[in-house]
Amino acid sequence: MKVAVYRNNLDVRIEERPVPVIADDELLVRVQASGICGSDVMEWYRRKKAPLVLGHEIAGVIEKTGTAITRFQPGDRVFVSHHVPCNVCRYCLRGQHTVCETLQSTNFDPGGFAEFIRVPAIQSDRGTFVLPDSVSLEAGTFIEPLACVLRGQRLAGIAPGATVAVLGSGISGILHIALARAMGAGSIIATDISEHRLQLAKKFGATEVLDGAGDVPAQIRAANQGRGADVVIVCAGVLPVLTQALASVDRGGTVLFFATPAPGQDLPVPVNEFWRQSITLLPSYAGAPTDCAQAIDLLAHNIVPVTDMISHRLPLDQTQEGFRLVAESDQSLKVLILP
């Protein structure tokens, strides 16, 4: 089979590998679509593990089932989650599945930028979902990123009518905008330094768009009757945007850190001021199986119009071009690889 092997954003090579051999409690899935995630092009995160086959936002068709598998059969259209929790550790038992060591260490083999993947037993058990007829394979690639967005917004507690500011209008920001709109947020203020992305933010539900290179906190207050936002969602992992977020939140509000800068970049926080103003600082990483199930339900009812977010569809042989498009980011939104 063909696989796309990542070395860096400018060096993704197509290679031949054997089709994985599955055990009795595993699945072999033919990948039909795989999304390039923004984290795939974060070289500070990825290069230290290279060379490897990336791709964790996948949908496909079951090619073969192990002899012990009874829940699935060949031909089933499925989404497979790369990270799954153990469900029995102290973190899982108190609902903090995304800090479970098992969740942070699991993956499928080799990765979604391949013609086939082997789905290990633990993912076959709790990370594989049959797609409803109303969810296309292309839409299925959004289940994982939408699940992450769902978890973040649930933790942030966005109330109906709330003012939400989304700082950074790449694909994660656009998903946050579309979900906040679907869930009844009031004003949704989006920022970016790209006019192209600001127009996309408008298309998917932002009520106000602002130049991210300007005085963002002042612009947010000018657009929101002199107040900061109830919830500020950081979707650009650079320190200036995180600093903007701290100055853009209203009293009693929440800053959701959905994106993060590289390790070693620390954010000065006005603790005394935030103590008096009851500001909540909240990080959010990954999603759990329950978030994936909810994401599938939203897609099945077309509540979040994800297929409209696809800007590029490329064959596996052009994965390098896909990485370039996502890394440069100015004219792409969501890039899918179609093996």
C-alpha atoms as a PDB file:
ATOM      1  CA  MET A   1       0.000   0.000   0.000  1.00  0.00           C
ATOM      2  CA  LYS A   2       1.018   3.635  -0.365  1.00  0.00           C
ATOM      3  CA  VAL A   3       1.706   5.827   2.662  1.00  0.00           C
ATOM      4  CA  ALA A   4       2.760   9.476   2.993  1.00  0.00           C
ATOM      5  CA  VAL A   5       5.761   9.713   5.328  1.00  0.00           C
ATOM      6  CA  TYR A   6       6.291  13.046   7.086  1.00  0.00           C
ATOM      7  CA  ARG A   7       9.783  14.376   7.724  1.00  0.00           C
ATOM      8  CA  ASN A   8       8.925  18.068   7.837  1.00  0.00           C
ATOM      9  CA  ASN A   9       6.362  20.365   6.237  1.00  0.00           C
ATOM     10  CA  LEU A  10       8.413  20.559   3.045  1.00  0.00           C
ATOM     11  CA  ASP A  11       9.350  16.880   2.925  1.00  0.00           C
ATOM     12  CA  VAL A  12       6.447  14.422   2.804  1.00  0.00           C
ATOM     13  CA  ARG A  13       7.332  11.334   0.764  1.00  0.00           C
ATOM     14  CA  ILE A  14       5.136   8.653  -0.776  1.00  0.00           C
ATOM     15  CA  GLU A  15       6.429   5.179   0.085  1.00  0.00           C
ATOM     16  CA  GLU A  16       5.283   1.586  -0.293  1.00  0.00           C
ATOM     17  CA  ARG A  17       4.616  -0.537   2.795  1.00  0.00           C
ATOM     18  CA  PRO A  18       2.919  -3.886   3.377  1.00  0.00           C
ATOM     19  CA  VAL A  19      -0.776  -3.794   4.201  1.00  0.00           C
ATOM     20  CA  PRO A  20      -1.007  -4.247   8.006  1.00  0.00           C
ATOM     21  CA  VAL A  21      -1.848  -7.702   9.335  1.00  0.00           C
ATOM     22  CA  ILE A  22      -4.645  -7.670  11.912  1.00  0.00           C
ATOM     23  CA  ALA A  23      -5.148  -9.801  15.033  1.00  0.00           C
ATOM     24  CA  ASP A  24      -8.409 -11.525  15.968  1.00  0.00           C
ATOM     25  CA  ASP A  25      -9.676  -8.481  17.894  1.00  0.00           C
ATOM     26  CA  GLU A  26      -8.629  -5.837  15.351  1.00  0.00           C
ATOM     27  CA  LEU A  27      -9.960  -4.188  12.196  1.00  0.00           C
ATOM     28  CA  LEU A  28      -8.442  -3.348   8.828  1.00  0.00           C
ATOM     29  CA  VAL A  29      -9.922  -0.131   7.434  1.00  0.00           C
ATOM     30  CA  ARG A  30      -9.479   1.221   3.926  1.00  0.00           C
ATOM     31  CA  VAL A  31      -9.023   4.978   4.371  1.00  0.00           C
ATOM     32  CA  GLN A  32     -11.323   6.987   2.111  1.00  0.00           C
ATOM     33  CA  ALA A  33     -10.670  10.487   3.453  1.00  0.00           C
ATOM     34  CA  SER A  34      -8.204  11.991   5.916  1.00  0.00           C
ATOM     35  CA  GLY A  35      -8.036  15.618   7.033  1.00  0.00           C
ATOM     36  CA  ILE A  36      -4.808  17.525   7.569  1.00  0.00           C
ATOM     37  CA  CYS A  37      -4.996  18.997  11.075  1.00  0.00           C
ATOM     38  CA  GLY A  38      -3.308  22.243  12.061  1.00  0.00           C
ATOM     39  CA  SER A  39      -1.298  20.218  14.586  1.00  0.00           C
ATOM     40  CA  ASP A  40       0.112  18.135  11.718  1.00  0.00           C
ATOM     41  CA  VAL A  41       2.060  21.176  10.485  1.00  0.00           C
ATOM     42  CA  MET A  42       3.316  22.288  13.927  1.00  0.00           C
ATOM     43  CA  GLU A  43       6.948  21.395  13.313  1.00  0.00           C
ATOM     44  CA  TRP A  44       8.068  21.984  16.921  1.00  0.00           C
ATOM     45  CA  TYR A  45       5.646  19.186  17.838  1.00  0.00           C
ATOM     46  CA  ARG A  46       6.013  16.812  14.885  1.00  0.00           C
ATOM     47  CA  ARG A  47       9.638  16.906  13.694  1.00  0.00           C
ATOM     48  CA  LYS A  48      11.047  15.335  16.850  1.00  0.00           C
ATOM     49  CA  LYS A  49       8.993  12.196  16.083  1.00  0.00           C
ATOM     50  CA  ALA A  50       9.756  12.079  12.346  1.00  0.00           C
ATOM     51  CA  PRO A  51       9.813  10.150  10.114  1.00  0.00           C
ATOM     52  CA  LEU A  52       6.254   8.954  10.621  1.00  0.00           C
ATOM     53  CA  VAL A  53       2.871   8.627   8.933  1.00  0.00           C
ATOM     54  CA  LEU A  54       0.548  11.306  10.297  1.00  0.00           C
ATOM     55  CA  GLY A  55      -3.209  11.677   9.889  1.00  0.00           C
ATOM     56  CA  HIS A  56      -5.761  11.263  12.680  1.00  0.00           C
ATOM     57  CA  GLU A  57      -8.953  12.728  11.178  1.00  0.00           C
ATOM     58  CA  ILE A  58     -10.104   9.765   9.130  1.00  0.00           C
ATOM     59  CA  ALA A  59     -13.139   8.047   7.699  1.00  0.00           C
ATOM     60  CA  GLY A  60     -13.154   4.836   5.729  1.00  0.00           C
ATOM     61  CA  VAL A  61     -14.660   1.445   5.025  1.00  0.00           C
ATOM     62  CA  ILE A  62     -13.930  -1.728   6.942  1.00  0.00           C
ATOM     63  CA  GLU A  63     -11.949  -4.038   4.673  1.00  0.00           C
ATOM     64  CA  LYS A  64     -11.549  -6.953   7.070  1.00  0.00           C
ATOM     65  CA  THR A  65     -12.516  -7.904  10.616  1.00  0.00           C
ATOM     66  CA  GLY A  66     -10.695 -10.148  13.056  1.00  0.00           C
ATOM     67  CA  THR A  67     -12.360 -13.434  13.967  1.00  0.00           C
ATOM     68  CA  ALA A  68     -13.328 -12.153  17.445  1.00  0.00           C
ATOM     69  CA  ILE A  69     -15.058  -9.012  16.095  1.00  0.00           C
ATOM     70  CA  THR A  70     -18.859  -9.174  16.212  1.00  0.00           C
ATOM     71  CA  ARG A  71     -19.948  -5.516  16.201  1.00  0.00           C
ATOM     72  CA  PHE A  72     -18.673  -4.677  12.726  1.00  0.00           C
ATOM     73  CA  GLN A  73     -18.510  -6.275   9.324  1.00  0.00           C
ATOM     74  CA  PRO A  74     -16.681  -5.614   6.065  1.00  0.00           C
ATOM     75  CA  GLY A  75     -18.279  -2.770   4.133  1.00  0.00           C
ATOM     76  CA  ASP A  76     -19.265  -0.718   7.203  1.00  0.00           C
ATOM     77  CA  ARG A  77     -18.534   2.980   6.775  1.00  0.00           C
ATOM     78  CA  VAL A  78     -16.707   4.112   9.912  1.00  0.00           C
ATOM     79  CA  PHE A  79     -14.931   6.867  11.754  1.00  0.00           C
ATOM     80  CA  VAL A  80     -12.026   5.678  13.903  1.00  0.00           C
ATOM     81  CA  SER A  81     -10.686   7.723  16.818  1.00  0.00           C
ATOM     82  CA  HIS A  82      -6.909   7.652  17.151  1.00  0.00           C
ATOM     83  CA  HIS A  83      -6.948   8.445  20.897  1.00  0.00           C
ATOM     84  CA  VAL A  84      -9.167   6.467  23.282  1.00  0.00           C
ATOM     85  CA  PRO A  85      -9.259   6.370  27.099  1.00  0.00           C
ATOM     86  CA  CYS A  86      -8.975   3.356  29.391  1.00  0.00           C
ATOM     87  CA  ASN A  87     -12.276   4.265  31.152  1.00  0.00           C
ATOM     88  CA  VAL A  88     -11.072   2.815  34.471  1.00  0.00           C
ATOM     89  CA  CYS A  89      -8.292   5.104  35.776  1.00  0.00           C
ATOM     90  CA  ARG A  90      -8.906   7.809  38.377  1.00  0.00           C
ATOM     91  CA  TYR A  91      -9.070  10.475  35.645  1.00  0.00           C
ATOM     92  CA  CYS A  92     -11.597   8.648  33.487  1.00  0.00           C
ATOM     93  CA  LEU A  93     -13.759   7.838  36.505  1.00  0.00           C
ATOM     94  CA  ARG A  94     -14.120  11.526  37.287  1.00  0.00           C
ATOM     95  CA  GLY A  95     -14.834  12.462  33.658  1.00  0.00           C
ATOM     96  CA  GLN A  96     -11.350  13.742  32.751  1.00  0.00           C
ATOM     97  CA  HIS A  97     -10.806  11.270  29.920  1.00  0.00           C
ATOM     98  CA  THR A  98      -8.442  13.476  27.936  1.00  0.00           C
ATOM     99  CA  VAL A  99      -5.733  13.373  30.621  1.00  0.00           C
ATOM    100  CA  CYS A 100      -5.870   9.579  30.745  1.00  0.00           C
ATOM    101  CA  GLU A 101      -2.422   8.123  29.975  1.00  0.00           C
ATOM    102  CA  THR A 102      -4.002   5.544  27.686  1.00  0.00           C
ATOM    103  CA  LEU A 103      -5.754   8.230  25.634  1.00  0.00           C
ATOM    104  CA  GLN A 104      -2.513  10.146  25.222  1.00  0.00           C
ATOM    105  CA  SER A 105      -0.578   7.067  24.063  1.00  0.00           C
ATOM    106  CA  THR A 106      -2.986   5.228  21.748  1.00  0.00           C
ATOM    107  CA  ASN A 107      -3.071   5.501  17.968  1.00  0.00           C
ATOM    108  CA  PHE A 108      -3.872   3.447  14.919  1.00  0.00           C
ATOM    109  CA  ASP A 109      -1.282   1.896  12.596  1.00  0.00           C
ATOM    110  CA  PRO A 110       0.325   3.538  10.701  1.00  0.00           C
ATOM    111  CA  GLY A 111      -1.623   6.818  10.385  1.00  0.00           C
ATOM    112  CA  GLY A 112      -4.419   8.251   8.289  1.00  0.00           C
ATOM    113  CA  PHE A 113      -2.285   9.327   5.325  1.00  0.00           C
ATOM    114  CA  ALA A 114      -2.217   5.758   4.078  1.00  0.00           C
ATOM    115  CA  GLU A 115      -4.411   3.483   2.011  1.00  0.00           C
ATOM    116  CA  PHE A 116      -5.116   1.159   4.955  1.00  0.00           C
ATOM    117  CA  ILE A 117      -4.896   1.348   8.741  1.00  0.00           C
ATOM    118  CA  ARG A 118      -4.858  -1.363  11.368  1.00  0.00           C
ATOM    119  CA  VAL A 119      -7.271  -0.525  14.193  1.00  0.00           C
ATOM    120  CA  PRO A 120      -5.949  -1.974  17.491  1.00  0.00           C
ATOM    121  CA  ALA A 121      -8.282  -3.798  19.858  1.00  0.00           C
ATOM    122  CA  ILE A 122      -8.858  -0.864  22.204  1.00  0.00           C
ATOM    123  CA  GLN A 123      -9.914   1.412  19.305  1.00  0.00           C
ATOM    124  CA  SER A 124     -12.043  -1.368  17.835  1.00  0.00           C
ATOM    125  CA  ASP A 125     -13.770  -1.626  21.202  1.00  0.00           C
ATOM    126  CA  ARG A 126     -14.446   2.047  22.010  1.00  0.00           C
ATOM    127  CA  GLY A 127     -13.102   4.241  19.234  1.00  0.00           C
ATOM    128  CA  THR A 128     -14.833   2.961  16.092  1.00  0.00           C
ATOM    129  CA  PHE A 129     -18.211   4.395  15.087  1.00  0.00           C
ATOM    130  CA  VAL A 130     -20.422   3.364  12.166  1.00  0.00           C
ATOM    131  CA  LEU A 131     -21.420   6.460  10.208  1.00  0.00           C
ATOM    132  CA  PRO A 132     -25.114   7.189   9.757  1.00  0.00           C
ATOM    133  CA  ASP A 133     -26.288   7.216   6.139  1.00  0.00           C
ATOM    134  CA  SER A 134     -26.662  10.994   6.322  1.00  0.00           C
ATOM    135  CA  VAL A 135     -22.950  11.512   7.170  1.00  0.00           C
ATOM    136  CA  SER A 136     -20.652  11.336   4.155  1.00  0.00           C
ATOM    137  CA  LEU A 137     -17.131   9.970   4.410  1.00  0.00           C
ATOM    138  CA  GLU A 138     -15.795  13.493   3.839  1.00  0.00           C
ATOM    139  CA  ALA A 139     -17.951  14.851   6.674  1.00  0.00           C
ATOM    140  CA  GLY A 140     -16.704  11.958   8.815  1.00  0.00           C
ATOM    141  CA  THR A 141     -13.205  13.465   8.794  1.00  0.00           C
ATOM    142  CA  PHE A 142     -14.583  16.338  10.892  1.00  0.00           C
ATOM    143  CA  ILE A 143     -15.763  14.113  13.747  1.00  0.00           C
ATOM    144  CA  GLU A 144     -12.477  14.257  15.649  1.00  0.00           C
ATOM    145  CA  PRO A 145     -11.902  18.038  15.373  1.00  0.00           C
ATOM    146  CA  LEU A 146     -15.566  18.767  16.069  1.00  0.00           C
ATOM    147  CA  ALA A 147     -15.439  16.517  19.137  1.00  0.00           C
ATOM    148  CA  CYS A 148     -12.504  18.566  20.443  1.00  0.00           C
ATOM    149  CA  VAL A 149     -14.466  21.783  19.853  1.00  0.00           C
ATOM    150  CA  LEU A 150     -17.551  20.341  21.564  1.00  0.00           C
ATOM    151  CA  ARG A 151     -15.565  19.414  24.643  1.00  0.00           C
ATOM    152  CA  GLY A 152     -13.956  22.835  24.864  1.00  0.00           C
ATOM    153  CA  GLN A 153     -17.238  24.697  24.574  1.00  0.00           C
ATOM    154  CA  ARG A 154     -18.957  22.379  27.048  1.00  0.00           C
ATOM    155  CA  LEU A 155     -16.230  23.026  29.617  1.00  0.00           C
ATOM    156  CA  ALA A 156     -16.396  26.766  28.939  1.00  0.00           C
ATOM    157  CA  GLY A 157     -20.130  26.754  29.585  1.00  0.00           C
ATOM    158  CA  ILE A 158     -21.261  29.042  26.777  1.00  0.00           C
ATOM    159  CA  ALA A 159     -24.737  30.186  27.759  1.00  0.00           C
ATOM    160  CA  PRO A 160     -27.474  31.073  25.257  1.00  0.00           C
ATOM    161  CA  GLY A 161     -27.065  34.717  24.267  1.00  0.00           C
ATOM    162  CA  ALA A 162     -23.452  34.888  25.440  1.00  0.00           C
ATOM    163  CA  THR A 163     -20.894  37.030  23.667  1.00  0.00           C
ATOM    164  CA  VAL A 164     -18.140  34.806  22.308  1.00  0.00           C
ATOM    165  CA  ALA A 165     -14.853  36.054  20.872  1.00  0.00           C
ATOM    166  CA  VAL A 166     -12.879  33.618  18.715  1.00  0.00           C
ATOM    167  CA  LEU A 167      -9.264  34.727  18.244  1.00  0.00           C
ATOM    168  CA  GLY A 168      -7.957  33.077  15.082  1.00  0.00           C
ATOM    169  CA  SER A 169     -10.208  32.031  12.206  1.00  0.00           C
ATOM    170  CA  GLY A 170      -8.466  28.964  10.840  1.00  0.00           C
ATOM    171  CA  ILE A 171     -10.392  25.708  10.727  1.00  0.00           C
ATOM    172  CA  SER A 172     -10.556  25.297  14.519  1.00  0.00           C
ATOM    173  CA  GLY A 173     -11.774  28.874  14.883  1.00  0.00           C
ATOM    174  CA  ILE A 174     -14.359  28.371  12.131  1.00  0.00           C
ATOM    175  CA  LEU A 175     -15.631  25.203  13.832  1.00  0.00           C
ATOM    176  CA  HIS A 176     -15.914  27.113  17.126  1.00  0.00           C
ATOM    177  CA  ILE A 177     -17.818  29.905  15.368  1.00  0.00           C
ATOM    178  CA  ALA A 178     -20.224  27.527  13.643  1.00  0.00           C
ATOM    179  CA  LEU A 179     -20.840  25.496  16.806  1.00  0.00           C
ATOM    180  CA  ALA A 180     -21.336  28.575  18.995  1.00  0.00           C
ATOM    181  CA  ARG A 181     -23.858  29.887  16.476  1.00  0.00           C
ATOM    182  CA  ALA A 182     -25.680  26.525  16.397  1.00  0.00           C
ATOM    183  CA  MET A 183     -25.772  26.368  20.199  1.00  0.00           C
ATOM    184  CA  GLY A 184     -27.385  29.775  20.612  1.00  0.00           C
ATOM    185  CA  ALA A 185     -24.567  32.205  21.346  1.00  0.00           C
ATOM    186  CA  GLY A 186     -25.510  35.851  20.923  1.00  0.00           C
ATOM    187  CA  SER A 187     -22.729  37.934  19.409  1.00  0.00           C
ATOM    188  CA  ILE A 188     -19.812  36.022  17.918  1.00  0.00           C
ATOM    189  CA  ILE A 189     -16.747  38.180  17.334  1.00  0.00           C
ATOM    190  CA  ALA A 190     -13.962  36.713  15.197  1.00  0.00           C
ATOM    191  CA  THR A 191     -10.419  37.948  14.647  1.00  0.00           C
ATOM    192  CA  ASP A 192      -7.651  37.115  12.207  1.00  0.00           C
ATOM    193  CA  ILE A 193      -4.847  38.847  10.350  1.00  0.00           C
ATOM    194  CA  SER A 194      -6.102  37.409   7.025  1.00  0.00           C
ATOM    195  CA  GLU A 195      -8.963  39.148   5.237  1.00  0.00           C
ATOM    196  CA  HIS A 196      -9.734  35.855   3.482  1.00  0.00           C
ATOM    197  CA  ARG A 197     -10.252  34.108   6.806  1.00  0.00           C
ATOM    198  CA  LEU A 198     -12.331  36.961   8.179  1.00  0.00           C
ATOM    199  CA  GLN A 199     -14.697  36.550   5.254  1.00  0.00           C
ATOM    200  CA  LEU A 200     -14.930  32.825   6.029  1.00  0.00           C
ATOM    201  CA  ALA A 201     -15.679  33.665   9.664  1.00  0.00           C
ATOM    202  CA  LYS A 202     -18.602  35.797   8.488  1.00  0.00           C
ATOM    203  CA  LYS A 203     -19.814  33.010   6.218  1.00  0.00           C
ATOM    204  CA  PHE A 204     -19.946  30.506   9.061  1.00  0.00           C
ATOM    205  CA  GLY A 205     -21.644  32.657  11.663  1.00  0.00           C
ATOM    206  CA  ALA A 206     -19.511  35.485  13.039  1.00  0.00           C
ATOM    207  CA  THR A 207     -21.565  38.607  13.675  1.00  0.00           C
ATOM    208  CA  GLU A 208     -18.483  40.851  13.793  1.00  0.00           C
ATOM    209  CA  VAL A 209     -14.987  40.399  12.356  1.00  0.00           C
ATOM    210  CA  LEU A 210     -11.916  42.310  13.542  1.00  0.00           C
ATOM    211  CA  ASP A 211      -8.371  42.827  12.366  1.00  0.00           C
ATOM    212  CA  GLY A 212      -6.180  40.659  14.594  1.00  0.00           C
ATOM    213  CA  ALA A 213      -3.215  42.948  13.980  1.00  0.00           C
ATOM    214  CA  GLY A 214      -4.982  45.884  15.647  1.00  0.00           C
ATOM    215  CA  ASP A 215      -5.944  46.598  19.257  1.00  0.00           C
ATOM    216  CA  VAL A 216      -8.150  43.522  19.663  1.00  0.00           C
ATOM    217  CA  PRO A 217      -9.327  44.120  23.272  1.00  0.00           C
ATOM    218  CA  ALA A 218     -10.375  47.683  22.411  1.00  0.00           C
ATOM    219  CA  GLN A 219     -12.131  46.541  19.240  1.00  0.00           C
ATOM    220  CA  ILE A 220     -14.021  43.827  21.118  1.00  0.00           C
ATOM    221  CA  ARG A 221     -15.227  46.324  23.720  1.00  0.00           C
ATOM    222  CA  ALA A 222     -16.236  48.787  21.015  1.00  0.00           C
ATOM    223  CA  ALA A 223     -18.286  46.049  19.349  1.00  0.00           C
ATOM    224  CA  ASN A 224     -19.809  44.825  22.617  1.00  0.00           C
ATOM    225  CA  GLN A 225     -21.202  47.915  24.366  1.00  0.00           C
ATOM    226  CA  GLY A 226     -17.979  48.581  26.243  1.00  0.00           C
ATOM    227  CA  ARG A 227     -17.648  45.087  27.703  1.00  0.00           C
ATOM    228  CA  GLY A 228     -15.267  42.239  27.060  1.00  0.00           C
ATOM    229  CA  ALA A 229     -16.545  38.904  25.816  1.00  0.00           C
ATOM    230  CA  ASP A 230     -18.180  36.368  28.119  1.00  0.00           C
ATOM    231  CA  VAL A 231     -16.045  33.624  26.593  1.00  0.00           C
ATOM    232  CA  VAL A 232     -12.808  34.193  24.670  1.00  0.00           C
ATOM    233  CA  ILE A 233     -11.579  31.200  22.654  1.00  0.00           C
ATOM    234  CA  VAL A 234      -7.921  31.177  21.637  1.00  0.00           C
ATOM    235  CA  CYS A 235      -7.489  29.427  18.289  1.00  0.00           C
ATOM    236  CA  ALA A 236      -4.050  30.734  17.327  1.00  0.00           C
ATOM    237  CA  GLY A 237      -1.091  29.352  19.254  1.00  0.00           C
ATOM    238  CA  VAL A 238       1.082  32.461  19.447  1.00  0.00           C
ATOM    239  CA  LEU A 239       1.778  34.504  22.572  1.00  0.00           C
ATOM    240  CA  PRO A 240       0.458  37.855  21.282  1.00  0.00           C
ATOM    241  CA  VAL A 241      -2.969  36.265  20.714  1.00  0.00           C
ATOM    242  CA  LEU A 242      -2.963  34.712  24.190  1.00  0.00           C
ATOM    243  CA  THR A 243      -2.124  38.136  25.612  1.00  0.00           C
ATOM    244  CA  GLN A 244      -4.992  39.667  23.619  1.00  0.00           C
ATOM    245  CA  ALA A 245      -7.322  37.055  25.099  1.00  0.00           C
ATOM    246  CA  LEU A 246      -6.447  37.956  28.699  1.00  0.00           C
ATOM    247  CA  ALA A 247      -7.315  41.590  27.991  1.00  0.00           C
ATOM    248  CA  SER A 248     -10.514  40.788  26.063  1.00  0.00           C
ATOM    249  CA  VAL A 249     -12.569  38.870  28.634  1.00  0.00           C
ATOM    250  CA  ASP A 250     -15.394  40.381  30.676  1.00  0.00           C
ATOM    251  CA  ARG A 251     -15.726  40.174  34.457  1.00  0.00           C
ATOM    252  CA  GLY A 252     -16.858  36.676  35.433  1.00  0.00           C
ATOM    253  CA  GLY A 253     -15.846  35.404  31.993  1.00  0.00           C
ATOM    254  CA  THR A 254     -13.754  32.529  30.716  1.00  0.00           C
ATOM    255  CA  VAL A 255     -10.698  32.302  28.476  1.00  0.00           C
ATOM    256  CA  LEU A 256     -10.577  28.947  26.684  1.00  0.00           C
ATOM    257  CA  PHE A 257      -7.072  28.035  25.512  1.00  0.00           C
ATOM    258  CA  PHE A 258      -7.858  25.799  22.553  1.00  0.00           C
ATOM    259  CA  ALA A 259      -4.491  26.451  20.869  1.00  0.00           C
ATOM    260  CA  THR A 260      -1.128  26.574  22.576  1.00  0.00           C
ATOM    261  CA  PRO A 261       2.295  28.071  21.819  1.00  0.00           C
ATOM    262  CA  ALA A 262       5.455  25.973  21.730  1.00  0.00           C
ATOM    263  CA  PRO A 263       6.869  24.627  25.017  1.00  0.00           C
ATOM    264  CA  GLY A 264       8.844  27.143  27.032  1.00  0.00           C
ATOM    265  CA  GLN A 265       6.701  30.113  26.033  1.00  0.00           C
ATOM    266  CA  ASP A 266       5.046  31.288  29.224  1.00  0.00           C
ATOM    267  CA  LEU A 267       2.132  33.696  29.598  1.00  0.00           C
ATOM    268  CA  PRO A 268       2.198  36.359  32.329  1.00  0.00           C
ATOM    269  CA  VAL A 269      -1.208  36.371  34.053  1.00  0.00           C
ATOM    270  CA  PRO A 270      -2.543  39.273  36.173  1.00  0.00           C
ATOM    271  CA  VAL A 271      -3.573  36.917  38.975  1.00  0.00           C
ATOM    272  CA  ASN A 272      -4.697  39.581  41.442  1.00  0.00           C
ATOM    273  CA  GLU A 273      -6.860  41.331  38.850  1.00  0.00           C
ATOM    274  CA  PHE A 274      -8.391  38.066  37.674  1.00  0.00           C
ATOM    275  CA  TRP A 275      -8.997  37.004  41.283  1.00  0.00           C
ATOM    276  CA  ARG A 276     -11.052  40.143  41.882  1.00  0.00           C
ATOM    277  CA  GLN A 277     -12.902  39.777  38.583  1.00  0.00           C
ATOM    278  CA  SER A 278     -13.538  36.010  38.862  1.00  0.00           C
ATOM    279  CA  ILE A 279     -11.886  35.215  35.524  1.00  0.00           C
ATOM    280  CA  THR A 280     -11.556  31.543  34.612  1.00  0.00           C
ATOM    281  CA  LEU A 281      -8.571  30.351  32.562  1.00  0.00           C
ATOM    282  CA  LEU A 282      -9.376  27.010  30.969  1.00  0.00           C
ATOM    283  CA  PRO A 283      -7.253  24.781  28.705  1.00  0.00           C
ATOM    284  CA  SER A 284      -8.879  22.098  26.561  1.00  0.00           C
ATOM    285  CA  TYR A 285      -7.102  19.176  24.919  1.00  0.00           C
ATOM    286  CA  ALA A 286      -8.576  16.482  22.655  1.00  0.00           C
ATOM    287  CA  GLY A 287     -11.997  14.859  22.951  1.00  0.00           C
ATOM    288  CA  ALA A 288     -13.459  11.701  24.486  1.00  0.00           C
ATOM    289  CA  PRO A 289     -15.652   9.005  22.888  1.00  0.00           C
ATOM    290  CA  THR A 290     -18.786  10.706  24.206  1.00  0.00           C
ATOM    291  CA  ASP A 291     -17.726  13.891  22.420  1.00  0.00           C
ATOM    292  CA  CYS A 292     -17.246  11.906  19.196  1.00  0.00           C
ATOM    293  CA  ALA A 293     -20.740  10.434  19.538  1.00  0.00           C
ATOM    294  CA  GLN A 294     -22.222  13.903  19.992  1.00  0.00           C
ATOM    295  CA  ALA A 295     -20.247  15.218  17.015  1.00  0.00           C
ATOM    296  CA  ILE A 296     -21.653  12.431  14.842  1.00  0.00           C
ATOM    297  CA  ASP A 297     -25.172  13.364  15.921  1.00  0.00           C
ATOM    298  CA  LEU A 298     -24.605  17.024  15.032  1.00  0.00           C
ATOM    299  CA  LEU A 299     -23.271  16.054  11.609  1.00  0.00           C
ATOM    300  CA  ALA A 300     -26.109  13.609  11.010  1.00  0.00           C
ATOM    301  CA  HIS A 301     -28.562  16.485  11.412  1.00  0.00           C
ATOM    302  CA  ASN A 302     -26.368  18.951   9.472  1.00  0.00           C
ATOM    303  CA  ILE A 303     -26.269  21.301  12.449  1.00  0.00           C
ATOM    304  CA  VAL A 304     -22.654  22.229  11.676  1.00  0.00           C
ATOM    305  CA  PRO A 305     -22.147  22.556   7.867  1.00  0.00           C
ATOM    306  CA  VAL A 306     -18.684  21.010   7.716  1.00  0.00           C
ATOM    307  CA  THR A 307     -18.542  19.965   4.068  1.00  0.00           C
ATOM    308  CA  ASP A 308     -18.796  23.642   3.112  1.00  0.00           C
ATOM    309  CA  MET A 309     -15.521  24.145   4.993  1.00  0.00           C
ATOM    310  CA  ILE A 310     -13.527  21.862   2.674  1.00  0.00           C
ATOM    311  CA  SER A 311     -11.300  24.017   0.487  1.00  0.00           C
ATOM    312  CA  HIS A 312      -9.099  21.348  -1.125  1.00  0.00           C
ATOM    313  CA  ARG A 313      -9.383  17.645  -1.970  1.00  0.00           C
ATOM    314  CA  LEU A 314      -6.128  15.959  -2.983  1.00  0.00           C
ATOM    315  CA  PRO A 315      -5.034  12.391  -3.759  1.00  0.00           C
ATOM    316  CA  LEU A 316      -2.517  10.677  -1.487  1.00  0.00           C
ATOM    317  CA  ASP A 317       0.248  11.333  -4.017  1.00  0.00           C
ATOM    318  CA  GLN A 318      -0.224  15.075  -3.405  1.00  0.00           C
ATOM    319  CA  THR A 319      -0.012  14.984   0.396  1.00  0.00           C
ATOM    320  CA  GLN A 320       3.096  17.206   0.229  1.00  0.00           C
ATOM    321  CA  GLU A 321       1.025  19.885  -1.531  1.00  0.00           C
ATOM    322  CA  GLY A 322      -1.633  19.510   1.133  1.00  0.00           C
ATOM    323  CA  PHE A 323       0.905  20.155   3.881  1.00  0.00           C
ATOM    324  CA  ARG A 324       2.134  23.233   2.038  1.00  0.00           C
ATOM    325  CA  LEU A 325      -1.390  24.594   1.754  1.00  0.00           C
ATOM    326  CA  VAL A 326      -2.113  24.068   5.443  1.00  0.00           C
ATOM    327  CA  ALA A 327       1.254  25.419   6.599  1.00  0.00           C
ATOM    328  CA  GLU A 328       0.901  28.586   4.503  1.00  0.00           C
ATOM    329  CA  SER A 329      -2.782  28.777   5.484  1.00  0.00           C
ATOM    330  CA  ASP A 330      -3.700  31.939   3.615  1.00  0.00           C
ATOM    331  CA  GLN A 331      -5.888  30.350   0.927  1.00  0.00           C
ATOM    332  CA  SER A 332      -6.897  27.025   2.483  1.00  0.00           C
ATOM    333  CA  LEU A 333      -9.427  26.176   5.157  1.00  0.00           C
ATOM    334  CA  LYS A 334      -9.742  22.387   5.342  1.00  0.00           C
ATOM    335  CA  VAL A 335      -7.558  20.174   3.175  1.00  0.00           C
ATOM    336  CA  LEU A 336      -8.568  16.537   2.726  1.00  0.00           C
ATOM    337  CA  ILE A 337      -6.385  13.729   1.445  1.00  0.00           C
ATOM    338  CA  LEU A 338      -8.399  11.107  -0.450  1.00  0.00           C
ATOM    339  CA  PRO A 339      -6.336   7.886  -0.650  1.00  0.00           C
END
